[in-house]
Protein backbone atom coordinates (compact mmCIF):
# COMPACT_ATOMS: atom_id res chain seq x y z
CA UNK A 1 -75.14 99.88 -210.99
CA UNK A 2 -72.69 99.96 -208.06
CA UNK A 3 -73.34 101.95 -205.06
CA UNK A 4 -70.42 102.47 -202.47
CA UNK A 5 -71.21 103.68 -199.02
CA UNK A 6 -68.21 105.67 -197.90
CA UNK A 7 -69.18 106.47 -194.41
CA UNK A 8 -68.42 103.45 -192.10
CA UNK A 9 -71.13 104.25 -189.66
CA UNK A 10 -73.80 104.43 -192.52
CA UNK A 11 -72.54 101.20 -193.94
CA UNK A 12 -72.81 99.45 -190.68
CA UNK A 13 -76.26 100.79 -190.02
CA UNK A 14 -77.30 99.52 -193.60
CA UNK A 15 -75.88 95.99 -192.84
CA UNK A 16 -77.77 95.97 -189.40
CA UNK A 17 -81.00 96.91 -191.00
CA UNK A 18 -80.59 94.19 -193.73
CA UNK A 19 -79.72 91.59 -191.27
CA UNK A 20 -82.65 92.47 -188.91
CA UNK A 21 -85.11 92.38 -191.82
CA UNK A 22 -83.55 89.26 -193.28
CA UNK A 23 -83.07 90.86 -196.64
CA UNK A 24 -80.02 91.83 -198.80
CA UNK A 25 -78.24 95.09 -198.42
CA UNK A 26 -79.69 96.60 -201.69
CA UNK A 27 -83.28 95.67 -200.75
CA UNK A 28 -82.83 97.17 -197.23
CA UNK A 29 -81.45 100.54 -198.63
CA UNK A 30 -84.01 100.52 -201.40
CA UNK A 31 -86.91 100.15 -198.93
CA UNK A 32 -85.61 102.76 -196.62
CA UNK A 33 -85.11 105.23 -199.49
CA UNK A 34 -88.60 104.50 -200.73
CA UNK A 35 -89.99 105.19 -197.13
CA UNK A 36 -88.08 108.34 -196.71
CA UNK A 37 -89.18 109.76 -200.24
CA UNK A 38 -92.79 108.89 -199.40
CA UNK A 39 -92.44 110.68 -196.06
CA UNK A 40 -91.10 113.80 -197.70
CA UNK A 41 -93.63 113.84 -200.43
CA UNK A 42 -96.36 113.67 -197.88
CA UNK A 43 -95.22 116.88 -196.13
CA UNK A 44 -97.22 119.93 -197.12
CA UNK A 45 -95.25 122.49 -199.14
CA UNK A 46 -93.91 125.50 -197.44
CA UNK A 47 -96.09 127.76 -199.65
CA UNK A 48 -99.18 125.83 -198.63
CA UNK A 49 -98.19 126.26 -194.91
CA UNK A 50 -97.70 129.83 -195.47
CA UNK A 51 -101.10 130.45 -197.09
CA UNK A 52 -102.82 128.44 -194.41
CA UNK A 53 -101.05 130.50 -191.77
CA UNK A 54 -102.35 133.75 -193.35
CA UNK A 55 -105.82 132.31 -193.57
CA UNK A 56 -105.96 131.33 -189.91
CA UNK A 57 -104.52 134.65 -188.93
CA UNK A 58 -107.12 136.48 -190.88
CA UNK A 59 -109.75 134.30 -189.18
CA UNK A 60 -108.49 135.32 -185.89
CA UNK A 61 -108.60 139.08 -186.56
CA UNK A 62 -111.63 141.48 -186.16
CA UNK A 63 -111.09 144.60 -188.13
CA UNK A 64 -114.39 146.08 -187.08
CA UNK A 65 -113.06 146.37 -183.41
CA UNK A 66 -109.72 147.97 -184.18
CA UNK A 67 -108.62 151.66 -183.89
CA UNK A 68 -108.26 153.63 -186.82
CA UNK A 69 -104.67 154.02 -187.90
CA UNK A 70 -104.98 157.83 -188.29
CA UNK A 71 -102.50 160.57 -187.25
CA UNK A 72 -103.92 160.70 -183.66
CA UNK A 73 -103.28 156.96 -183.36
CA UNK A 74 -99.69 157.14 -184.29
CA UNK A 75 -99.08 160.32 -182.32
CA UNK A 76 -100.37 158.41 -179.21
CA UNK A 77 -98.01 155.58 -180.06
CA UNK A 78 -95.03 157.84 -180.34
CA UNK A 79 -95.85 160.12 -177.51
CA UNK A 80 -96.07 163.22 -179.77
CA UNK A 81 -98.64 165.73 -178.59
C-alpha cells in the first residue's frame, strides 16, 4: 500500500533518518512508528493517574487533627458573629 508524505519537512526528516540508519524509507518510518506506539502504550492512563493522585492526597491528610466543619467553623471563615 502506498504512503505519501505531503509535508516536505516530514519527508526530508524521514529520508535523513533512513539514510542515517542505512535502511529504506519504509523501514525507517515503520521503526519510528513502532517506537512511538510502544512509548504511548507504556504511559499510564489518565484515570490511573487520577486514582493514584487521590490515594496520595488521602495518605497526606490527617482527618483526626482537623477542625469540625460545623456552623461555628463556617461563621468564623465568613466573619459572621
